[in-house]
């Protein structure tokens, strides 16, 4: 899961975001049950989570979020 999230973030590059569901979809056909774990793992990685353009905790946020490489 860590690898899938970081691979997506690096592929998008700085300043570009992705939906955490993209990582879940890459891991399983039935991806929806993976979403809480994907968000929990994302919270521990050098990723920046936003919701409607505002920073959020990916594990605690409700509703759609976007992830990107954390600013350096």
PDB file of N, CA and C in Angstrom:
ATOM      1  N   UNK A   1       0.822  -1.183   0.000  1.00  0.00           N
ATOM      2  CA  UNK A   1       0.000   0.000   0.000  1.00  0.00           C
ATOM      3  C   UNK A   1       0.876   1.261   0.000  1.00  0.00           C
ATOM      4  N   UNK A   2       1.914   1.239   0.830  1.00  0.00           N
ATOM      5  CA  UNK A   2       2.861   2.356   0.862  1.00  0.00           C
ATOM      6  C   UNK A   2       3.457   2.572  -0.520  1.00  0.00           C
ATOM      7  N   UNK A   3       3.872   1.480  -1.137  1.00  0.00           N
ATOM      8  CA  UNK A   3       4.496   1.573  -2.465  1.00  0.00           C
ATOM      9  C   UNK A   3       3.527   2.140  -3.494  1.00  0.00           C
ATOM     10  N   UNK A   4       2.282   1.705  -3.456  1.00  0.00           N
ATOM     11  CA  UNK A   4       1.290   2.186  -4.428  1.00  0.00           C
ATOM     12  C   UNK A   4       1.050   3.682  -4.260  1.00  0.00           C
ATOM     13  N   UNK A   5       0.937   4.148  -3.020  1.00  0.00           N
ATOM     14  CA  UNK A   5       0.717   5.567  -2.765  1.00  0.00           C
ATOM     15  C   UNK A   5       1.910   6.409  -3.220  1.00  0.00           C
ATOM     16  N   UNK A   6       3.102   5.988  -2.863  1.00  0.00           N
ATOM     17  CA  UNK A   6       4.289   6.768  -3.217  1.00  0.00           C
ATOM     18  C   UNK A   6       4.560   6.718  -4.720  1.00  0.00           C
ATOM     19  N   UNK A   7       4.268   5.592  -5.359  1.00  0.00           N
ATOM     20  CA  UNK A   7       4.444   5.482  -6.809  1.00  0.00           C
ATOM     21  C   UNK A   7       3.538   6.487  -7.527  1.00  0.00           C
ATOM     22  N   UNK A   8       2.296   6.569  -7.101  1.00  0.00           N
ATOM     23  CA  UNK A   8       1.366   7.532  -7.697  1.00  0.00           C
ATOM     24  C   UNK A   8       1.826   8.968  -7.461  1.00  0.00           C
ATOM     25  N   UNK A   9       2.245   9.264  -6.248  1.00  0.00           N
ATOM     26  CA  UNK A   9       2.687  10.624  -5.923  1.00  0.00           C
ATOM     27  C   UNK A   9       3.898  11.015  -6.762  1.00  0.00           C
ATOM     28  N   UNK A  10       4.855  10.126  -6.878  1.00  0.00           N
ATOM     29  CA  UNK A  10       6.064  10.425  -7.676  1.00  0.00           C
ATOM     30  C   UNK A  10       5.732  10.529  -9.160  1.00  0.00           C
ATOM     31  N   UNK A  11       4.827   9.693  -9.626  1.00  0.00           N
ATOM     32  CA  UNK A  11       4.453   9.742 -11.044  1.00  0.00           C
ATOM     33  C   UNK A  11       3.773  11.069 -11.378  1.00  0.00           C
ATOM     34  N   UNK A  12       2.974  11.580 -10.473  1.00  0.00           N
ATOM     35  CA  UNK A  12       2.318  12.872 -10.705  1.00  0.00           C
ATOM     36  C   UNK A  12       3.309  14.018 -10.586  1.00  0.00           C
ATOM     37  N   UNK A  13       4.246  13.890  -9.655  1.00  0.00           N
ATOM     38  CA  UNK A  13       5.251  14.927  -9.471  1.00  0.00           C
ATOM     39  C   UNK A  13       4.776  16.042  -8.557  1.00  0.00           C
ATOM     40  N   UNK A  14       5.694  16.948  -8.225  1.00  0.00           N
ATOM     41  CA  UNK A  14       5.363  18.050  -7.320  1.00  0.00           C
ATOM     42  C   UNK A  14       4.235  18.921  -7.881  1.00  0.00           C
ATOM     43  N   UNK A  15       3.358  19.328  -6.985  1.00  0.00           N
ATOM     44  CA  UNK A  15       2.279  20.220  -7.387  1.00  0.00           C
ATOM     45  C   UNK A  15       1.075  19.542  -8.010  1.00  0.00           C
ATOM     46  N   UNK A  16       1.133  18.235  -8.209  1.00  0.00           N
ATOM     47  CA  UNK A  16       0.007  17.493  -8.797  1.00  0.00           C
ATOM     48  C   UNK A  16      -0.538  16.525  -7.752  1.00  0.00           C
ATOM     49  N   UNK A  17      -1.840  16.346  -7.746  1.00  0.00           N
ATOM     50  CA  UNK A  17      -2.465  15.490  -6.739  1.00  0.00           C
ATOM     51  C   UNK A  17      -3.153  14.285  -7.386  1.00  0.00           C
ATOM     52  N   UNK A  18      -3.553  13.360  -6.512  1.00  0.00           N
ATOM     53  CA  UNK A  18      -4.295  12.178  -6.960  1.00  0.00           C
ATOM     54  C   UNK A  18      -5.274  11.781  -5.870  1.00  0.00           C
ATOM     55  N   UNK A  19      -6.262  11.018  -6.258  1.00  0.00           N
ATOM     56  CA  UNK A  19      -7.250  10.516  -5.315  1.00  0.00           C
ATOM     57  C   UNK A  19      -6.715   9.227  -4.680  1.00  0.00           C
ATOM     58  N   UNK A  20      -6.853   9.064  -3.366  1.00  0.00           N
ATOM     59  CA  UNK A  20      -6.376   7.833  -2.735  1.00  0.00           C
ATOM     60  C   UNK A  20      -7.030   6.577  -3.308  1.00  0.00           C
ATOM     61  N   UNK A  21      -8.206   6.728  -3.897  1.00  0.00           N
ATOM     62  CA  UNK A  21      -8.861   5.556  -4.484  1.00  0.00           C
ATOM     63  C   UNK A  21      -8.056   4.995  -5.649  1.00  0.00           C
ATOM     64  N   UNK A  22      -7.227   5.818  -6.275  1.00  0.00           N
ATOM     65  CA  UNK A  22      -6.385   5.312  -7.357  1.00  0.00           C
ATOM     66  C   UNK A  22      -5.427   4.250  -6.834  1.00  0.00           C
ATOM     67  N   UNK A  23      -4.886   4.454  -5.642  1.00  0.00           N
ATOM     68  CA  UNK A  23      -4.005   3.453  -5.035  1.00  0.00           C
ATOM     69  C   UNK A  23      -4.797   2.205  -4.673  1.00  0.00           C
ATOM     70  N   UNK A  24      -5.970   2.386  -4.084  1.00  0.00           N
ATOM     71  CA  UNK A  24      -6.802   1.238  -3.706  1.00  0.00           C
ATOM     72  C   UNK A  24      -7.203   0.424  -4.934  1.00  0.00           C
ATOM     73  N   UNK A  25      -7.537   1.114  -6.021  1.00  0.00           N
ATOM     74  CA  UNK A  25      -7.927   0.415  -7.254  1.00  0.00           C
ATOM     75  C   UNK A  25      -6.765  -0.384  -7.849  1.00  0.00           C
ATOM     76  N   UNK A  26      -5.557   0.104  -7.639  1.00  0.00           N
ATOM     77  CA  UNK A  26      -4.383  -0.615  -8.141  1.00  0.00           C
ATOM     78  C   UNK A  26      -4.107  -1.881  -7.322  1.00  0.00           C
ATOM     79  N   UNK A  27      -4.644  -1.932  -6.112  1.00  0.00           N
ATOM     80  CA  UNK A  27      -4.374  -3.057  -5.223  1.00  0.00           C
ATOM     81  C   UNK A  27      -5.426  -4.159  -5.273  1.00  0.00           C
ATOM     82  N   UNK A  28      -6.666  -3.806  -5.584  1.00  0.00           N
ATOM     83  CA  UNK A  28      -7.726  -4.816  -5.556  1.00  0.00           C
ATOM     84  C   UNK A  28      -8.897  -4.398  -6.426  1.00  0.00           C
ATOM     85  N   UNK A  29      -9.559  -5.389  -6.998  1.00  0.00           N
ATOM     86  CA  UNK A  29     -10.742  -5.111  -7.798  1.00  0.00           C
ATOM     87  C   UNK A  29     -11.855  -4.570  -6.896  1.00  0.00           C
ATOM     88  N   UNK A  30     -11.997  -5.169  -5.724  1.00  0.00           N
ATOM     89  CA  UNK A  30     -12.965  -4.694  -4.735  1.00  0.00           C
ATOM     90  C   UNK A  30     -12.209  -3.731  -3.815  1.00  0.00           C
ATOM     91  N   UNK A  31     -12.032  -2.504  -4.269  1.00  0.00           N
ATOM     92  CA  UNK A  31     -11.136  -1.539  -3.631  1.00  0.00           C
ATOM     93  C   UNK A  31     -11.772  -0.729  -2.502  1.00  0.00           C
ATOM     94  N   UNK A  32     -13.067  -0.586  -2.477  1.00  0.00           N
ATOM     95  CA  UNK A  32     -13.712   0.285  -1.473  1.00  0.00           C
ATOM     96  C   UNK A  32     -13.397  -0.099  -0.021  1.00  0.00           C
ATOM     97  N   UNK A  33     -13.382  -1.388   0.319  1.00  0.00           N
ATOM     98  CA  UNK A  33     -13.047  -1.735   1.714  1.00  0.00           C
ATOM     99  C   UNK A  33     -11.613  -1.342   2.101  1.00  0.00           C
ATOM    100  N   UNK A  34     -10.757  -1.101   1.126  1.00  0.00           N
ATOM    101  CA  UNK A  34      -9.367  -0.723   1.422  1.00  0.00           C
ATOM    102  C   UNK A  34      -9.205   0.754   1.776  1.00  0.00           C
ATOM    103  N   UNK A  35     -10.192   1.570   1.489  1.00  0.00           N
ATOM    104  CA  UNK A  35     -10.037   3.018   1.640  1.00  0.00           C
ATOM    105  C   UNK A  35      -9.644   3.485   3.045  1.00  0.00           C
ATOM    106  N   UNK A  36     -10.235   2.984   4.121  1.00  0.00           N
ATOM    107  CA  UNK A  36      -9.781   3.445   5.440  1.00  0.00           C
ATOM    108  C   UNK A  36      -8.300   3.151   5.684  1.00  0.00           C
ATOM    109  N   UNK A  37      -7.849   1.988   5.261  1.00  0.00           N
ATOM    110  CA  UNK A  37      -6.440   1.621   5.446  1.00  0.00           C
ATOM    111  C   UNK A  37      -5.534   2.468   4.549  1.00  0.00           C
ATOM    112  N   UNK A  38      -5.952   2.735   3.325  1.00  0.00           N
ATOM    113  CA  UNK A  38      -5.174   3.581   2.420  1.00  0.00           C
ATOM    114  C   UNK A  38      -4.984   4.953   3.048  1.00  0.00           C
ATOM    115  N   UNK A  39      -6.041   5.518   3.588  1.00  0.00           N
ATOM    116  CA  UNK A  39      -5.950   6.842   4.222  1.00  0.00           C
ATOM    117  C   UNK A  39      -5.068   6.807   5.467  1.00  0.00           C
ATOM    118  N   UNK A  40      -5.187   5.732   6.251  1.00  0.00           N
ATOM    119  CA  UNK A  40      -4.358   5.603   7.460  1.00  0.00           C
ATOM    120  C   UNK A  40      -2.888   5.544   7.095  1.00  0.00           C
ATOM    121  N   UNK A  41      -2.558   4.766   6.082  1.00  0.00           N
ATOM    122  CA  UNK A  41      -1.169   4.655   5.634  1.00  0.00           C
ATOM    123  C   UNK A  41      -0.695   5.989   5.059  1.00  0.00           C
ATOM    124  N   UNK A  42      -1.535   6.647   4.289  1.00  0.00           N
ATOM    125  CA  UNK A  42      -1.170   7.940   3.694  1.00  0.00           C
ATOM    126  C   UNK A  42      -0.812   8.963   4.767  1.00  0.00           C
ATOM    127  N   UNK A  43      -1.480   8.893   5.909  1.00  0.00           N
ATOM    128  CA  UNK A  43      -1.223   9.841   6.996  1.00  0.00           C
ATOM    129  C   UNK A  43       0.191   9.698   7.553  1.00  0.00           C
ATOM    130  N   UNK A  44       0.801   8.547   7.368  1.00  0.00           N
ATOM    131  CA  UNK A  44       2.141   8.289   7.908  1.00  0.00           C
ATOM    132  C   UNK A  44       3.245   8.528   6.885  1.00  0.00           C
ATOM    133  N   UNK A  45       2.874   8.878   5.676  1.00  0.00           N
ATOM    134  CA  UNK A  45       3.854   9.068   4.598  1.00  0.00           C
ATOM    135  C   UNK A  45       4.102  10.556   4.347  1.00  0.00           C
ATOM    136  N   UNK A  46       5.167  10.875   3.608  1.00  0.00           N
ATOM    137  CA  UNK A  46       5.432  12.280   3.277  1.00  0.00           C
ATOM    138  C   UNK A  46       4.506  12.769   2.170  1.00  0.00           C
ATOM    139  N   UNK A  47       3.210  12.690   2.466  1.00  0.00           N
ATOM    140  CA  UNK A  47       2.184  13.129   1.532  1.00  0.00           C
ATOM    141  C   UNK A  47       1.374  14.247   2.167  1.00  0.00           C
ATOM    142  N   UNK A  48       0.873  15.119   1.340  1.00  0.00           N
ATOM    143  CA  UNK A  48       0.056  16.263   1.753  1.00  0.00           C
ATOM    144  C   UNK A  48      -1.377  15.956   1.328  1.00  0.00           C
ATOM    145  N   UNK A  49      -2.301  16.004   2.285  1.00  0.00           N
ATOM    146  CA  UNK A  49      -3.705  15.727   1.998  1.00  0.00           C
ATOM    147  C   UNK A  49      -4.499  17.024   2.035  1.00  0.00           C
ATOM    148  N   UNK A  50      -5.377  17.180   1.058  1.00  0.00           N
ATOM    149  CA  UNK A  50      -6.245  18.357   1.017  1.00  0.00           C
ATOM    150  C   UNK A  50      -7.687  17.937   0.742  1.00  0.00           C
ATOM    151  N   UNK A  51      -8.581  18.793   1.187  1.00  0.00           N
ATOM    152  CA  UNK A  51     -10.001  18.626   0.908  1.00  0.00           C
ATOM    153  C   UNK A  51     -10.525  20.020   0.577  1.00  0.00           C
ATOM    154  N   UNK A  52     -11.043  20.182  -0.615  1.00  0.00           N
ATOM    155  CA  UNK A  52     -11.488  21.487  -1.101  1.00  0.00           C
ATOM    156  C   UNK A  52     -10.363  22.520  -0.993  1.00  0.00           C
ATOM    157  N   UNK A  53      -9.123  22.050  -1.243  1.00  0.00           N
ATOM    158  CA  UNK A  53      -7.975  22.938  -1.246  1.00  0.00           C
ATOM    159  C   UNK A  53      -7.383  23.252   0.113  1.00  0.00           C
ATOM    160  N   UNK A  54      -7.960  22.710   1.177  1.00  0.00           N
ATOM    161  CA  UNK A  54      -7.459  22.973   2.530  1.00  0.00           C
ATOM    162  C   UNK A  54      -6.774  21.731   3.088  1.00  0.00           C
ATOM    163  N   UNK A  55      -5.672  21.901   3.834  1.00  0.00           N
ATOM    164  CA  UNK A  55      -4.988  20.748   4.440  1.00  0.00           C
ATOM    165  C   UNK A  55      -5.891  20.005   5.423  1.00  0.00           C
ATOM    166  N   UNK A  56      -5.817  18.682   5.373  1.00  0.00           N
ATOM    167  CA  UNK A  56      -6.587  17.831   6.287  1.00  0.00           C
ATOM    168  C   UNK A  56      -5.753  16.626   6.687  1.00  0.00           C
ATOM    169  N   UNK A  57      -6.165  15.980   7.757  1.00  0.00           N
ATOM    170  CA  UNK A  57      -5.585  14.703   8.164  1.00  0.00           C
ATOM    171  C   UNK A  57      -6.294  13.636   7.329  1.00  0.00           C
ATOM    172  N   UNK A  58      -5.561  12.907   6.489  1.00  0.00           N
ATOM    173  CA  UNK A  58      -6.236  11.943   5.609  1.00  0.00           C
ATOM    174  C   UNK A  58      -6.977  10.845   6.362  1.00  0.00           C
ATOM    175  N   UNK A  59      -6.506  10.480   7.539  1.00  0.00           N
ATOM    176  CA  UNK A  59      -7.161   9.414   8.294  1.00  0.00           C
ATOM    177  C   UNK A  59      -8.460   9.906   8.945  1.00  0.00           C
ATOM    178  N   UNK A  60      -8.541  11.191   9.250  1.00  0.00           N
ATOM    179  CA  UNK A  60      -9.713  11.724   9.960  1.00  0.00           C
ATOM    180  C   UNK A  60     -10.721  12.402   9.033  1.00  0.00           C
ATOM    181  N   UNK A  61     -10.291  12.830   7.874  1.00  0.00           N
ATOM    182  CA  UNK A  61     -11.183  13.563   6.968  1.00  0.00           C
ATOM    183  C   UNK A  61     -12.318  12.675   6.487  1.00  0.00           C
ATOM    184  N   UNK A  62     -13.481  13.277   6.338  1.00  0.00           N
ATOM    185  CA  UNK A  62     -14.630  12.563   5.793  1.00  0.00           C
ATOM    186  C   UNK A  62     -14.915  13.147   4.424  1.00  0.00           C
ATOM    187  N   UNK A  63     -15.212  12.295   3.479  1.00  0.00           N
ATOM    188  CA  UNK A  63     -15.465  12.759   2.128  1.00  0.00           C
ATOM    189  C   UNK A  63     -14.204  12.694   1.283  1.00  0.00           C
ATOM    190  N   UNK A  64     -14.299  13.149   0.034  1.00  0.00           N
ATOM    191  CA  UNK A  64     -13.181  13.029  -0.894  1.00  0.00           C
ATOM    192  C   UNK A  64     -12.004  13.919  -0.512  1.00  0.00           C
ATOM    193  N   UNK A  65     -10.813  13.360  -0.677  1.00  0.00           N
ATOM    194  CA  UNK A  65      -9.577  14.103  -0.440  1.00  0.00           C
ATOM    195  C   UNK A  65      -8.647  13.895  -1.631  1.00  0.00           C
ATOM    196  N   UNK A  66      -7.613  14.702  -1.677  1.00  0.00           N
ATOM    197  CA  UNK A  66      -6.563  14.566  -2.688  1.00  0.00           C
ATOM    198  C   UNK A  66      -5.240  14.432  -1.950  1.00  0.00           C
ATOM    199  N   UNK A  67      -4.320  13.677  -2.518  1.00  0.00           N
ATOM    200  CA  UNK A  67      -2.988  13.495  -1.957  1.00  0.00           C
ATOM    201  C   UNK A  67      -1.955  13.979  -2.947  1.00  0.00           C
ATOM    202  N   UNK A  68      -0.863  14.511  -2.442  1.00  0.00           N
ATOM    203  CA  UNK A  68       0.261  14.922  -3.283  1.00  0.00           C
ATOM    204  C   UNK A  68       1.536  14.806  -2.465  1.00  0.00           C
ATOM    205  N   UNK A  69       2.669  14.903  -3.146  1.00  0.00           N
ATOM    206  CA  UNK A  69       3.941  14.905  -2.446  1.00  0.00           C
ATOM    207  C   UNK A  69       3.953  16.095  -1.482  1.00  0.00           C
ATOM    208  N   UNK A  70       4.450  15.871  -0.286  1.00  0.00           N
ATOM    209  CA  UNK A  70       4.520  16.955   0.693  1.00  0.00           C
ATOM    210  C   UNK A  70       5.513  18.002   0.228  1.00  0.00           C
ATOM    211  N   UNK A  71       5.180  19.280   0.444  1.00  0.00           N
ATOM    212  CA  UNK A  71       6.121  20.330   0.070  1.00  0.00           C
ATOM    213  C   UNK A  71       7.419  20.190   0.861  1.00  0.00           C
ATOM    214  N   UNK A  72       8.510  20.509   0.219  1.00  0.00           N
ATOM    215  CA  UNK A  72       9.810  20.355   0.910  1.00  0.00           C
ATOM    216  C   UNK A  72      10.138  21.561   1.730  1.00  0.00           C
TER     217      UNK A  72
END
